[in-house]
Amino acid sequence: MENTLKHILNYPVLPVYYDDDIQTCTEVVNACYQGGIRVFEFVNRGNKAPKNFAQLLSFQKENWPDLLLGIGTIKTAAMASAYIAMGAKFIVSPVVKAEIAEVTLEKNILWVPGCMTPTEISLAEDLGAPLVKLFPGDTLGTGFLKGIKPLFPAMRFMPTGGVNPTRESISGWFDAGVSAVGLGSKLFARPAGATGYEWLSDRAHDLMGWIAAR
């Protein structure tokens, strides 16, 4: 768990993605990887999520040796256990649940619960989570983080939702004190007229560059 957290802190941009088509998934993850992404959150939001995640893990072992693949939108201990058995390196939840904390701690797998209030953050901390997802980030905003961060000096924060793939947005969140950021649909919005996925590699490269230059 400690090594996973350290890896995320070293590569603090987490794409959040799902597609039914495994070829599309592979091309998207590969483009992110070529752009410098080394942590990727696939999400459990479709019928083909387990199958596609298993195939991505197989592809990762052959082609993306230093990429950590985790699974998101995990709401039960059973879901967490199933994906850990597959090989998920970390578990992300939209909620704080003791049963998920127990499963992940038992397996020494990093659990990142979603929090929106100081009470939820405190509960996540009590359950052993060293990193929490602030969601939805656009509703909470950087002002919320600045306000509550002094209350939880040992906790690390990662906003998801409301993070834009721009220098201004990235700088704003990291200046507010986040340790990582999660990006979903805005990261994957294809530019008009673009083909292939080179634009996604370029966008990922820019994101990693802005953070490294801070």
C-alpha atoms as a PDB file:
ATOM      1  CA  MET A   1       0.000   0.000   0.000  1.00  0.00           C
ATOM      2  CA  GLU A   2       2.808   2.413   0.885  1.00  0.00           C
ATOM      3  CA  ASN A   3       4.551   1.801  -2.448  1.00  0.00           C
ATOM      4  CA  THR A   4       1.314   2.436  -4.341  1.00  0.00           C
ATOM      5  CA  LEU A   5       0.764   5.723  -2.525  1.00  0.00           C
ATOM      6  CA  LYS A   6       4.359   6.764  -3.177  1.00  0.00           C
ATOM      7  CA  HIS A   7       3.931   5.964  -6.888  1.00  0.00           C
ATOM      8  CA  ILE A   8       0.776   8.101  -7.053  1.00  0.00           C
ATOM      9  CA  LEU A   9       2.549  10.984  -5.326  1.00  0.00           C
ATOM     10  CA  ASN A  10       5.367  10.711  -7.884  1.00  0.00           C
ATOM     11  CA  TYR A  11       2.924  10.586 -10.832  1.00  0.00           C
ATOM     12  CA  PRO A  12      -0.047  12.544  -9.459  1.00  0.00           C
ATOM     13  CA  VAL A  13      -2.377  12.556 -12.479  1.00  0.00           C
ATOM     14  CA  LEU A  14      -5.028   9.813 -12.521  1.00  0.00           C
ATOM     15  CA  PRO A  15      -7.137   9.460 -15.651  1.00  0.00           C
ATOM     16  CA  VAL A  16     -10.615   8.104 -14.837  1.00  0.00           C
ATOM     17  CA  TYR A  17     -12.087   6.146 -17.744  1.00  0.00           C
ATOM     18  CA  TYR A  18     -14.417   3.421 -18.974  1.00  0.00           C
ATOM     19  CA  ASP A  19     -15.500   2.132 -22.371  1.00  0.00           C
ATOM     20  CA  ASP A  20     -17.269  -1.055 -23.447  1.00  0.00           C
ATOM     21  CA  ASP A  21     -14.819  -1.595 -26.300  1.00  0.00           C
ATOM     22  CA  ILE A  22     -11.535  -3.148 -25.181  1.00  0.00           C
ATOM     23  CA  GLN A  23      -9.657  -1.879 -28.238  1.00  0.00           C
ATOM     24  CA  THR A  24     -10.670   1.690 -27.406  1.00  0.00           C
ATOM     25  CA  CYS A  25      -9.680   1.150 -23.772  1.00  0.00           C
ATOM     26  CA  THR A  26      -6.266  -0.160 -24.778  1.00  0.00           C
ATOM     27  CA  GLU A  27      -5.611   2.727 -27.160  1.00  0.00           C
ATOM     28  CA  VAL A  28      -6.673   5.301 -24.561  1.00  0.00           C
ATOM     29  CA  VAL A  29      -4.531   3.844 -21.778  1.00  0.00           C
ATOM     30  CA  ASN A  30      -1.593   3.487 -24.157  1.00  0.00           C
ATOM     31  CA  ALA A  31      -1.883   7.111 -25.283  1.00  0.00           C
ATOM     32  CA  CYS A  32      -1.904   8.257 -21.660  1.00  0.00           C
ATOM     33  CA  TYR A  33       1.093   6.064 -20.915  1.00  0.00           C
ATOM     34  CA  GLN A  34       3.030   7.463 -23.876  1.00  0.00           C
ATOM     35  CA  GLY A  35       2.326  10.934 -22.488  1.00  0.00           C
ATOM     36  CA  GLY A  36       3.892  10.098 -19.126  1.00  0.00           C
ATOM     37  CA  ILE A  37       0.889   8.862 -17.125  1.00  0.00           C
ATOM     38  CA  ARG A  38       1.877   6.079 -14.728  1.00  0.00           C
ATOM     39  CA  VAL A  39      -1.345   5.625 -12.721  1.00  0.00           C
ATOM     40  CA  PHE A  40      -4.734   4.883 -14.312  1.00  0.00           C
ATOM     41  CA  GLU A  41      -8.171   4.426 -12.758  1.00  0.00           C
ATOM     42  CA  PHE A  42     -10.468   2.238 -14.833  1.00  0.00           C
ATOM     43  CA  VAL A  43     -14.037   2.451 -13.567  1.00  0.00           C
ATOM     44  CA  ASN A  44     -16.570  -0.250 -12.792  1.00  0.00           C
ATOM     45  CA  ARG A  45     -19.420   1.393 -14.685  1.00  0.00           C
ATOM     46  CA  GLY A  46     -20.420  -1.062 -17.373  1.00  0.00           C
ATOM     47  CA  ASN A  47     -21.223  -4.726 -17.923  1.00  0.00           C
ATOM     48  CA  LYS A  48     -17.869  -5.335 -19.561  1.00  0.00           C
ATOM     49  CA  ALA A  49     -15.836  -3.686 -16.792  1.00  0.00           C
ATOM     50  CA  PRO A  50     -14.502  -6.923 -15.230  1.00  0.00           C
ATOM     51  CA  LYS A  51     -13.569  -8.484 -18.566  1.00  0.00           C
ATOM     52  CA  ASN A  52     -11.995  -5.318 -19.936  1.00  0.00           C
ATOM     53  CA  PHE A  53     -10.080  -4.650 -16.737  1.00  0.00           C
ATOM     54  CA  ALA A  54      -8.656  -8.176 -16.768  1.00  0.00           C
ATOM     55  CA  GLN A  55      -7.510  -7.707 -20.373  1.00  0.00           C
ATOM     56  CA  LEU A  56      -5.956  -4.334 -19.567  1.00  0.00           C
ATOM     57  CA  LEU A  57      -4.026  -5.929 -16.711  1.00  0.00           C
ATOM     58  CA  SER A  58      -2.676  -8.581 -19.085  1.00  0.00           C
ATOM     59  CA  PHE A  59      -1.680  -5.923 -21.608  1.00  0.00           C
ATOM     60  CA  GLN A  60      -0.086  -3.849 -18.842  1.00  0.00           C
ATOM     61  CA  LYS A  61       2.277  -6.648 -17.838  1.00  0.00           C
ATOM     62  CA  GLU A  62       3.601  -6.859 -21.397  1.00  0.00           C
ATOM     63  CA  ASN A  63       3.558  -3.227 -22.502  1.00  0.00           C
ATOM     64  CA  TRP A  64       3.266  -0.780 -19.581  1.00  0.00           C
ATOM     65  CA  PRO A  65       5.644  -2.191 -16.945  1.00  0.00           C
ATOM     66  CA  ASP A  66       5.553   0.759 -14.538  1.00  0.00           C
ATOM     67  CA  LEU A  67       1.841   1.623 -14.865  1.00  0.00           C
ATOM     68  CA  LEU A  68      -0.394   1.059 -11.836  1.00  0.00           C
ATOM     69  CA  LEU A  69      -3.908   0.044 -12.849  1.00  0.00           C
ATOM     70  CA  GLY A  70      -6.628   0.517 -10.256  1.00  0.00           C
ATOM     71  CA  ILE A  71     -10.387   0.245 -10.298  1.00  0.00           C
ATOM     72  CA  GLY A  72     -12.935   2.906  -9.394  1.00  0.00           C
ATOM     73  CA  THR A  73     -16.639   3.135  -8.560  1.00  0.00           C
ATOM     74  CA  ILE A  74     -16.327   0.310  -6.034  1.00  0.00           C
ATOM     75  CA  LYS A  75     -19.249   0.410  -3.593  1.00  0.00           C
ATOM     76  CA  THR A  76     -19.137  -2.969  -1.820  1.00  0.00           C
ATOM     77  CA  ALA A  77     -16.591  -5.250  -0.176  1.00  0.00           C
ATOM     78  CA  ALA A  78     -17.509  -8.007  -2.638  1.00  0.00           C
ATOM     79  CA  MET A  79     -16.664  -5.745  -5.600  1.00  0.00           C
ATOM     80  CA  ALA A  80     -13.383  -4.760  -3.977  1.00  0.00           C
ATOM     81  CA  SER A  81     -12.440  -8.383  -3.290  1.00  0.00           C
ATOM     82  CA  ALA A  82     -13.214  -9.446  -6.855  1.00  0.00           C
ATOM     83  CA  TYR A  83     -11.046  -6.755  -8.418  1.00  0.00           C
ATOM     84  CA  ILE A  84      -8.225  -7.248  -5.925  1.00  0.00           C
ATOM     85  CA  ALA A  85      -8.216 -10.922  -6.900  1.00  0.00           C
ATOM     86  CA  MET A  86      -7.876  -9.861 -10.541  1.00  0.00           C
ATOM     87  CA  GLY A  87      -4.848  -7.745  -9.714  1.00  0.00           C
ATOM     88  CA  ALA A  88      -6.099  -4.204  -9.082  1.00  0.00           C
ATOM     89  CA  LYS A  89      -3.334  -2.143  -7.493  1.00  0.00           C
ATOM     90  CA  PHE A  90      -5.721   0.251  -5.770  1.00  0.00           C
ATOM     91  CA  ILE A  91      -9.432   0.664  -5.083  1.00  0.00           C
ATOM     92  CA  VAL A  92     -11.357   3.933  -5.448  1.00  0.00           C
ATOM     93  CA  SER A  93     -14.840   4.357  -3.982  1.00  0.00           C
ATOM     94  CA  PRO A  94     -17.439   7.107  -4.318  1.00  0.00           C
ATOM     95  CA  VAL A  95     -18.365   6.519  -0.661  1.00  0.00           C
ATOM     96  CA  VAL A  96     -16.770   5.769   2.725  1.00  0.00           C
ATOM     97  CA  LYS A  97     -17.560   2.212   3.867  1.00  0.00           C
ATOM     98  CA  ALA A  98     -15.959   0.277   6.690  1.00  0.00           C
ATOM     99  CA  GLU A  99     -16.428  -3.052   4.884  1.00  0.00           C
ATOM    100  CA  ILE A 100     -14.315  -1.849   1.945  1.00  0.00           C
ATOM    101  CA  ALA A 101     -11.647  -0.517   4.292  1.00  0.00           C
ATOM    102  CA  GLU A 102     -11.435  -3.913   5.998  1.00  0.00           C
ATOM    103  CA  VAL A 103     -11.016  -5.838   2.736  1.00  0.00           C
ATOM    104  CA  THR A 104      -8.352  -3.523   1.339  1.00  0.00           C
ATOM    105  CA  LEU A 105      -6.372  -3.266   4.581  1.00  0.00           C
ATOM    106  CA  GLU A 106      -6.371  -7.053   4.903  1.00  0.00           C
ATOM    107  CA  LYS A 107      -4.825  -7.333   1.432  1.00  0.00           C
ATOM    108  CA  ASN A 108      -2.533  -4.291   1.915  1.00  0.00           C
ATOM    109  CA  ILE A 109      -4.181  -2.566  -1.052  1.00  0.00           C
ATOM    110  CA  LEU A 110      -4.547   1.219  -1.174  1.00  0.00           C
ATOM    111  CA  TRP A 111      -8.154   2.364  -0.740  1.00  0.00           C
ATOM    112  CA  VAL A 112      -9.156   5.867  -1.850  1.00  0.00           C
ATOM    113  CA  PRO A 113     -12.677   6.705  -0.598  1.00  0.00           C
ATOM    114  CA  GLY A 114     -14.754   9.580  -1.917  1.00  0.00           C
ATOM    115  CA  CYS A 115     -15.500  12.323   0.601  1.00  0.00           C
ATOM    116  CA  MET A 116     -17.499  15.558   0.556  1.00  0.00           C
ATOM    117  CA  THR A 117     -17.611  16.629   4.224  1.00  0.00           C
ATOM    118  CA  PRO A 118     -15.196  16.912   7.163  1.00  0.00           C
ATOM    119  CA  THR A 119     -17.132  14.114   8.882  1.00  0.00           C
ATOM    120  CA  GLU A 120     -16.552  11.771   5.941  1.00  0.00           C
ATOM    121  CA  ILE A 121     -12.867  12.707   5.791  1.00  0.00           C
ATOM    122  CA  SER A 122     -12.530  12.018   9.516  1.00  0.00           C
ATOM    123  CA  LEU A 123     -14.240   8.645   9.124  1.00  0.00           C
ATOM    124  CA  ALA A 124     -11.987   7.738   6.182  1.00  0.00           C
ATOM    125  CA  GLU A 125      -8.957   8.679   8.261  1.00  0.00           C
ATOM    126  CA  ASP A 126     -10.173   6.552  11.182  1.00  0.00           C
ATOM    127  CA  LEU A 127     -10.616   3.618   8.786  1.00  0.00           C
ATOM    128  CA  GLY A 128      -6.997   3.870   7.635  1.00  0.00           C
ATOM    129  CA  ALA A 129      -7.240   5.716   4.308  1.00  0.00           C
ATOM    130  CA  PRO A 130      -4.112   7.863   3.713  1.00  0.00           C
ATOM    131  CA  LEU A 131      -5.596   9.522   0.600  1.00  0.00           C
ATOM    132  CA  VAL A 132      -9.185  10.599  -0.064  1.00  0.00           C
ATOM    133  CA  LYS A 133     -10.974  11.630  -3.219  1.00  0.00           C
ATOM    134  CA  LEU A 134     -12.739  14.995  -2.992  1.00  0.00           C
ATOM    135  CA  PHE A 135     -15.838  14.557  -5.128  1.00  0.00           C
ATOM    136  CA  PRO A 136     -17.382  16.389  -6.841  1.00  0.00           C
ATOM    137  CA  GLY A 137     -14.399  18.707  -7.103  1.00  0.00           C
ATOM    138  CA  ASP A 138     -16.223  21.394  -9.051  1.00  0.00           C
ATOM    139  CA  THR A 139     -18.859  21.708  -6.314  1.00  0.00           C
ATOM    140  CA  LEU A 140     -16.362  21.717  -3.442  1.00  0.00           C
ATOM    141  CA  GLY A 141     -13.679  23.880  -5.061  1.00  0.00           C
ATOM    142  CA  THR A 142     -10.222  24.924  -3.923  1.00  0.00           C
ATOM    143  CA  GLY A 143     -11.629  27.147  -1.172  1.00  0.00           C
ATOM    144  CA  PHE A 144     -13.160  24.132   0.568  1.00  0.00           C
ATOM    145  CA  LEU A 145      -9.854  22.283   0.477  1.00  0.00           C
ATOM    146  CA  LYS A 146      -7.938  25.250   1.897  1.00  0.00           C
ATOM    147  CA  GLY A 147     -10.505  25.502   4.684  1.00  0.00           C
ATOM    148  CA  ILE A 148     -10.476  21.889   5.819  1.00  0.00           C
ATOM    149  CA  LYS A 149      -6.861  20.893   5.097  1.00  0.00           C
ATOM    150  CA  PRO A 150      -5.506  22.278   8.427  1.00  0.00           C
ATOM    151  CA  LEU A 151      -7.962  20.000  10.245  1.00  0.00           C
ATOM    152  CA  PHE A 152      -6.377  16.912   8.671  1.00  0.00           C
ATOM    153  CA  PRO A 153      -2.607  17.518   8.507  1.00  0.00           C
ATOM    154  CA  ALA A 154      -1.791  13.856   7.870  1.00  0.00           C
ATOM    155  CA  MET A 155      -4.389  13.320   5.137  1.00  0.00           C
ATOM    156  CA  ARG A 156      -3.712  13.636   1.422  1.00  0.00           C
ATOM    157  CA  PHE A 157      -6.358  14.851  -1.012  1.00  0.00           C
ATOM    158  CA  MET A 158      -7.215  14.151  -4.651  1.00  0.00           C
ATOM    159  CA  PRO A 159     -10.061  16.083  -6.334  1.00  0.00           C
ATOM    160  CA  THR A 160     -12.002  14.361  -9.095  1.00  0.00           C
ATOM    161  CA  GLY A 161     -14.646  16.145 -11.148  1.00  0.00           C
ATOM    162  CA  GLY A 162     -13.978  19.792 -11.782  1.00  0.00           C
ATOM    163  CA  VAL A 163     -10.309  19.393 -12.664  1.00  0.00           C
ATOM    164  CA  ASN A 164      -9.576  20.755 -16.123  1.00  0.00           C
ATOM    165  CA  PRO A 165      -6.590  19.769 -18.300  1.00  0.00           C
ATOM    166  CA  THR A 166      -5.251  23.326 -18.208  1.00  0.00           C
ATOM    167  CA  ARG A 167      -2.238  24.867 -16.501  1.00  0.00           C
ATOM    168  CA  GLU A 168      -4.519  27.249 -14.583  1.00  0.00           C
ATOM    169  CA  SER A 169      -6.722  24.475 -13.175  1.00  0.00           C
ATOM    170  CA  ILE A 170      -3.813  22.190 -12.269  1.00  0.00           C
ATOM    171  CA  SER A 171      -1.871  25.020 -10.607  1.00  0.00           C
ATOM    172  CA  GLY A 172      -4.952  26.147  -8.694  1.00  0.00           C
ATOM    173  CA  TRP A 173      -5.570  22.732  -7.188  1.00  0.00           C
ATOM    174  CA  PHE A 174      -1.946  22.011  -6.322  1.00  0.00           C
ATOM    175  CA  ASP A 175      -1.506  25.495  -4.859  1.00  0.00           C
ATOM    176  CA  ALA A 176      -4.510  24.710  -2.657  1.00  0.00           C
ATOM    177  CA  GLY A 177      -2.687  21.652  -1.315  1.00  0.00           C
ATOM    178  CA  VAL A 178      -3.791  18.553  -3.218  1.00  0.00           C
ATOM    179  CA  SER A 179      -1.416  15.602  -3.602  1.00  0.00           C
ATOM    180  CA  ALA A 180      -2.917  14.308  -6.854  1.00  0.00           C
ATOM    181  CA  VAL A 181      -5.749  15.013  -9.303  1.00  0.00           C
ATOM    182  CA  GLY A 182      -8.236  12.773 -11.079  1.00  0.00           C
ATOM    183  CA  LEU A 183      -9.449  13.719 -14.560  1.00  0.00           C
ATOM    184  CA  GLY A 184     -12.363  12.207 -16.432  1.00  0.00           C
ATOM    185  CA  SER A 185     -14.373  13.403 -19.422  1.00  0.00           C
ATOM    186  CA  LYS A 186     -12.521  16.707 -19.835  1.00  0.00           C
ATOM    187  CA  LEU A 187      -9.228  14.893 -20.273  1.00  0.00           C
ATOM    188  CA  PHE A 188     -10.707  12.639 -22.953  1.00  0.00           C
ATOM    189  CA  ALA A 189     -12.614  15.308 -24.927  1.00  0.00           C
ATOM    190  CA  ARG A 190     -11.299  14.867 -28.450  1.00  0.00           C
ATOM    191  CA  PRO A 191     -10.320  18.127 -30.201  1.00  0.00           C
ATOM    192  CA  ALA A 192     -12.331  18.996 -33.296  1.00  0.00           C
ATOM    193  CA  GLY A 193     -10.928  17.265 -36.350  1.00  0.00           C
ATOM    194  CA  ALA A 194      -8.446  15.141 -34.403  1.00  0.00           C
ATOM    195  CA  THR A 195      -7.910  11.504 -35.348  1.00  0.00           C
ATOM    196  CA  GLY A 196      -6.108   8.740 -33.501  1.00  0.00           C
ATOM    197  CA  TYR A 197      -4.891   9.440 -29.963  1.00  0.00           C
ATOM    198  CA  GLU A 198      -1.744  11.498 -30.377  1.00  0.00           C
ATOM    199  CA  TRP A 199      -3.660  14.495 -29.010  1.00  0.00           C
ATOM    200  CA  LEU A 200      -4.276  12.555 -25.782  1.00  0.00           C
ATOM    201  CA  SER A 201      -0.577  11.742 -25.402  1.00  0.00           C
ATOM    202  CA  ASP A 202       0.227  15.417 -25.931  1.00  0.00           C
ATOM    203  CA  ARG A 203      -2.371  16.463 -23.363  1.00  0.00           C
ATOM    204  CA  ALA A 204      -1.038  13.972 -20.806  1.00  0.00           C
ATOM    205  CA  HIS A 205       2.505  15.188 -21.468  1.00  0.00           C
ATOM    206  CA  ASP A 206       1.413  18.778 -20.847  1.00  0.00           C
ATOM    207  CA  LEU A 207      -0.274  17.815 -17.560  1.00  0.00           C
ATOM    208  CA  MET A 208       2.772  16.017 -16.248  1.00  0.00           C
ATOM    209  CA  GLY A 209       4.994  18.889 -17.392  1.00  0.00           C
ATOM    210  CA  TRP A 210       2.939  21.530 -15.566  1.00  0.00           C
ATOM    211  CA  ILE A 211       3.176  19.564 -12.336  1.00  0.00           C
ATOM    212  CA  ALA A 212       6.905  18.874 -12.710  1.00  0.00           C
ATOM    213  CA  ALA A 213       7.558  22.578 -13.335  1.00  0.00           C
ATOM    214  CA  ARG A 214       5.890  23.684 -10.110  1.00  0.00           C
END
